[in-house]
Amino acid sequence: MKLIQRILDKEATAEEEARFLANKDQCLPCQEGHELEVALRKALKSKCTSTCPSTLLESIRLKISSIVLLILLLIPLFCWFI
């Protein structure tokens, strides 16, 4: 399954992909695993939207900004005590 995922993610080498494709037609678990992974990815793609509510994005931005500000304030204090 890891190899199938790497192939579908375009992370496998050409040799790995060629070896898998040559073996896939004679290996039922390989065929089923490949079909399953392709179907899962297709289902996820159809269910996931590419847009995010602007209120959620703004909330995430505010939280990140608060954390960054806190870090910027605490690092000098921490370093001063060391």
N, C-alpha and C. Protein backbone atom coordinates (compact mmCIF):
# COMPACT_ATOMS: atom_id res chain seq x y z
N MET A 1 0.83 -1.19 0.00
CA MET A 1 0.00 0.00 0.00
C MET A 1 0.87 1.25 0.00
N LYS A 2 1.99 1.20 0.73
CA LYS A 2 2.86 2.38 0.76
C LYS A 2 3.40 2.68 -0.64
N LEU A 3 3.76 1.64 -1.37
CA LEU A 3 4.26 1.84 -2.73
C LEU A 3 3.16 2.40 -3.62
N ILE A 4 1.96 1.89 -3.49
CA ILE A 4 0.83 2.39 -4.28
C ILE A 4 0.61 3.87 -3.99
N GLN A 5 0.66 4.22 -2.72
CA GLN A 5 0.48 5.63 -2.35
C GLN A 5 1.60 6.49 -2.92
N ARG A 6 2.83 5.98 -2.87
CA ARG A 6 3.96 6.74 -3.43
C ARG A 6 3.82 6.90 -4.93
N ILE A 7 3.31 5.87 -5.61
CA ILE A 7 3.11 5.96 -7.05
C ILE A 7 2.05 7.00 -7.37
N LEU A 8 0.93 6.95 -6.66
CA LEU A 8 -0.15 7.91 -6.92
C LEU A 8 0.24 9.33 -6.53
N ASP A 9 1.15 9.47 -5.57
CA ASP A 9 1.63 10.79 -5.16
C ASP A 9 2.79 11.27 -6.03
N LYS A 10 3.17 10.45 -7.01
CA LYS A 10 4.30 10.76 -7.91
C LYS A 10 5.62 10.86 -7.14
N GLU A 11 5.76 10.05 -6.10
CA GLU A 11 6.99 10.04 -5.30
C GLU A 11 7.84 8.80 -5.55
N ALA A 12 7.29 7.81 -6.24
CA ALA A 12 8.03 6.57 -6.52
C ALA A 12 8.98 6.80 -7.70
N THR A 13 10.04 6.02 -7.71
CA THR A 13 10.96 6.10 -8.84
C THR A 13 10.30 5.44 -10.05
N ALA A 14 10.83 5.74 -11.22
CA ALA A 14 10.31 5.14 -12.45
C ALA A 14 10.46 3.62 -12.40
N GLU A 15 11.55 3.15 -11.81
CA GLU A 15 11.78 1.70 -11.70
C GLU A 15 10.75 1.05 -10.78
N GLU A 16 10.46 1.68 -9.64
CA GLU A 16 9.47 1.14 -8.71
C GLU A 16 8.09 1.08 -9.37
N GLU A 17 7.75 2.14 -10.07
CA GLU A 17 6.44 2.18 -10.73
C GLU A 17 6.34 1.13 -11.82
N ALA A 18 7.38 1.00 -12.62
CA ALA A 18 7.37 0.00 -13.70
C ALA A 18 7.27 -1.41 -13.14
N ARG A 19 8.01 -1.68 -12.06
CA ARG A 19 7.97 -3.01 -11.44
C ARG A 19 6.58 -3.30 -10.89
N PHE A 20 5.95 -2.30 -10.25
CA PHE A 20 4.61 -2.48 -9.71
C PHE A 20 3.61 -2.73 -10.83
N LEU A 21 3.65 -1.90 -11.87
CA LEU A 21 2.69 -2.04 -12.96
C LEU A 21 2.85 -3.38 -13.68
N ALA A 22 4.07 -3.88 -13.80
CA ALA A 22 4.30 -5.18 -14.43
C ALA A 22 3.72 -6.30 -13.58
N ASN A 23 3.75 -6.14 -12.27
CA ASN A 23 3.29 -7.17 -11.35
C ASN A 23 1.79 -7.06 -11.05
N LYS A 24 1.24 -5.87 -11.18
CA LYS A 24 -0.13 -5.60 -10.75
C LYS A 24 -1.16 -6.51 -11.41
N ASP A 25 -1.01 -6.76 -12.69
CA ASP A 25 -2.00 -7.56 -13.41
C ASP A 25 -2.02 -9.02 -12.98
N GLN A 26 -0.95 -9.49 -12.36
CA GLN A 26 -0.91 -10.89 -11.93
C GLN A 26 -1.10 -11.04 -10.42
N CYS A 27 -1.31 -9.94 -9.73
CA CYS A 27 -1.39 -9.95 -8.27
C CYS A 27 -2.72 -9.33 -7.84
N LEU A 28 -3.65 -10.17 -7.39
CA LEU A 28 -4.97 -9.69 -7.00
C LEU A 28 -4.90 -8.69 -5.85
N PRO A 29 -4.10 -8.92 -4.79
CA PRO A 29 -4.01 -7.91 -3.73
C PRO A 29 -3.48 -6.57 -4.24
N CYS A 30 -2.56 -6.60 -5.21
CA CYS A 30 -2.03 -5.36 -5.78
C CYS A 30 -3.12 -4.64 -6.57
N GLN A 31 -3.89 -5.39 -7.35
CA GLN A 31 -4.97 -4.80 -8.13
C GLN A 31 -6.01 -4.16 -7.19
N GLU A 32 -6.42 -4.92 -6.18
CA GLU A 32 -7.44 -4.43 -5.26
C GLU A 32 -6.93 -3.24 -4.44
N GLY A 33 -5.68 -3.31 -4.02
CA GLY A 33 -5.10 -2.21 -3.27
C GLY A 33 -5.04 -0.94 -4.09
N HIS A 34 -4.66 -1.07 -5.35
CA HIS A 34 -4.58 0.08 -6.25
C HIS A 34 -5.97 0.65 -6.49
N GLU A 35 -6.93 -0.22 -6.78
CA GLU A 35 -8.31 0.24 -7.01
C GLU A 35 -8.88 0.92 -5.77
N LEU A 36 -8.60 0.35 -4.60
CA LEU A 36 -9.09 0.93 -3.35
C LEU A 36 -8.50 2.33 -3.13
N GLU A 37 -7.20 2.45 -3.30
CA GLU A 37 -6.55 3.74 -3.07
C GLU A 37 -7.04 4.79 -4.07
N VAL A 38 -7.22 4.41 -5.32
CA VAL A 38 -7.73 5.34 -6.33
C VAL A 38 -9.16 5.75 -5.98
N ALA A 39 -9.99 4.79 -5.56
CA ALA A 39 -11.37 5.10 -5.20
C ALA A 39 -11.43 6.01 -3.97
N LEU A 40 -10.59 5.75 -2.98
CA LEU A 40 -10.56 6.59 -1.78
C LEU A 40 -10.17 8.02 -2.12
N ARG A 41 -9.16 8.16 -2.94
CA ARG A 41 -8.70 9.50 -3.33
C ARG A 41 -9.78 10.23 -4.13
N LYS A 42 -10.46 9.50 -5.00
CA LYS A 42 -11.51 10.11 -5.80
C LYS A 42 -12.67 10.56 -4.90
N ALA A 43 -13.04 9.72 -3.93
CA ALA A 43 -14.12 10.07 -3.01
C ALA A 43 -13.74 11.27 -2.16
N LEU A 44 -12.52 11.29 -1.66
CA LEU A 44 -12.08 12.43 -0.86
C LEU A 44 -12.08 13.72 -1.67
N LYS A 45 -11.61 13.60 -2.90
CA LYS A 45 -11.55 14.78 -3.76
C LYS A 45 -12.95 15.33 -4.03
N SER A 46 -13.92 14.43 -4.21
CA SER A 46 -15.27 14.89 -4.51
C SER A 46 -15.96 15.48 -3.28
N LYS A 47 -15.56 15.05 -2.08
CA LYS A 47 -16.19 15.53 -0.86
C LYS A 47 -15.54 16.78 -0.29
N CYS A 48 -14.27 16.96 -0.59
CA CYS A 48 -13.55 18.11 -0.05
C CYS A 48 -13.77 19.32 -0.95
N THR A 49 -14.04 20.44 -0.33
CA THR A 49 -14.19 21.66 -1.12
C THR A 49 -12.88 22.42 -1.09
N SER A 50 -12.66 23.19 -2.11
CA SER A 50 -11.41 23.93 -2.19
C SER A 50 -11.51 25.28 -1.48
N THR A 51 -12.70 25.63 -1.03
CA THR A 51 -12.85 26.90 -0.36
C THR A 51 -13.05 26.69 1.13
N CYS A 52 -12.68 27.67 1.87
CA CYS A 52 -12.79 27.63 3.32
C CYS A 52 -13.53 28.90 3.73
N PRO A 53 -14.44 28.81 4.69
CA PRO A 53 -15.15 30.01 5.11
C PRO A 53 -14.17 31.09 5.57
N SER A 54 -14.42 32.32 5.18
CA SER A 54 -13.51 33.41 5.51
C SER A 54 -13.41 33.62 7.02
N THR A 55 -14.49 33.34 7.75
CA THR A 55 -14.45 33.49 9.21
C THR A 55 -13.47 32.49 9.83
N LEU A 56 -13.42 31.29 9.28
CA LEU A 56 -12.48 30.30 9.78
C LEU A 56 -11.05 30.72 9.50
N LEU A 57 -10.81 31.20 8.29
CA LEU A 57 -9.46 31.66 7.93
C LEU A 57 -9.01 32.80 8.85
N GLU A 58 -9.91 33.74 9.10
CA GLU A 58 -9.56 34.87 9.95
C GLU A 58 -9.29 34.41 11.38
N SER A 59 -10.07 33.47 11.85
CA SER A 59 -9.85 32.93 13.20
C SER A 59 -8.48 32.26 13.31
N ILE A 60 -8.11 31.50 12.30
CA ILE A 60 -6.80 30.83 12.29
C ILE A 60 -5.69 31.86 12.25
N ARG A 61 -5.85 32.88 11.41
CA ARG A 61 -4.83 33.94 11.31
C ARG A 61 -4.63 34.65 12.65
N LEU A 62 -5.73 34.96 13.34
CA LEU A 62 -5.64 35.63 14.63
C LEU A 62 -4.93 34.76 15.66
N LYS A 63 -5.23 33.48 15.67
CA LYS A 63 -4.58 32.58 16.62
C LYS A 63 -3.09 32.45 16.33
N ILE A 64 -2.74 32.35 15.07
CA ILE A 64 -1.32 32.26 14.70
C ILE A 64 -0.59 33.54 15.08
N SER A 65 -1.22 34.68 14.81
CA SER A 65 -0.61 35.97 15.17
C SER A 65 -0.40 36.07 16.67
N SER A 66 -1.37 35.63 17.44
CA SER A 66 -1.25 35.67 18.90
C SER A 66 -0.10 34.79 19.38
N ILE A 67 0.02 33.62 18.80
CA ILE A 67 1.09 32.70 19.20
C ILE A 67 2.45 33.28 18.82
N VAL A 68 2.57 33.84 17.63
CA VAL A 68 3.83 34.44 17.19
C VAL A 68 4.21 35.59 18.12
N LEU A 69 3.24 36.44 18.44
CA LEU A 69 3.51 37.55 19.34
C LEU A 69 3.97 37.06 20.71
N LEU A 70 3.31 36.04 21.22
CA LEU A 70 3.69 35.46 22.50
C LEU A 70 5.11 34.91 22.46
N ILE A 71 5.44 34.23 21.40
CA ILE A 71 6.80 33.67 21.25
C ILE A 71 7.82 34.80 21.19
N LEU A 72 7.50 35.84 20.42
CA LEU A 72 8.44 36.96 20.30
C LEU A 72 8.67 37.66 21.63
N LEU A 73 7.66 37.67 22.48
CA LEU A 73 7.80 38.28 23.80
C LEU A 73 8.53 37.38 24.79
N LEU A 74 8.27 36.09 24.70
CA LEU A 74 8.83 35.16 25.68
C LEU A 74 10.28 34.76 25.41
N ILE A 75 10.67 34.69 24.17
CA ILE A 75 12.05 34.26 23.85
C ILE A 75 13.08 35.20 24.48
N PRO A 76 12.94 36.51 24.32
CA PRO A 76 13.95 37.39 24.96
C PRO A 76 13.93 37.25 26.49
N LEU A 77 12.77 37.09 27.08
CA LEU A 77 12.70 36.91 28.53
C LEU A 77 13.38 35.62 28.96
N PHE A 78 13.14 34.56 28.23
CA PHE A 78 13.73 33.28 28.55
C PHE A 78 15.25 33.33 28.38
N CYS A 79 15.71 33.95 27.32
CA CYS A 79 17.15 34.04 27.05
C CYS A 79 17.85 34.93 28.08
N TRP A 80 17.15 35.93 28.58
CA TRP A 80 17.72 36.83 29.57
C TRP A 80 18.02 36.10 30.88
N PHE A 81 17.18 35.13 31.24
CA PHE A 81 17.35 34.39 32.47
C PHE A 81 18.44 33.32 32.36
N ILE A 82 18.78 32.96 31.18
CA ILE A 82 19.80 31.91 30.99
C ILE A 82 21.12 32.51 31.04
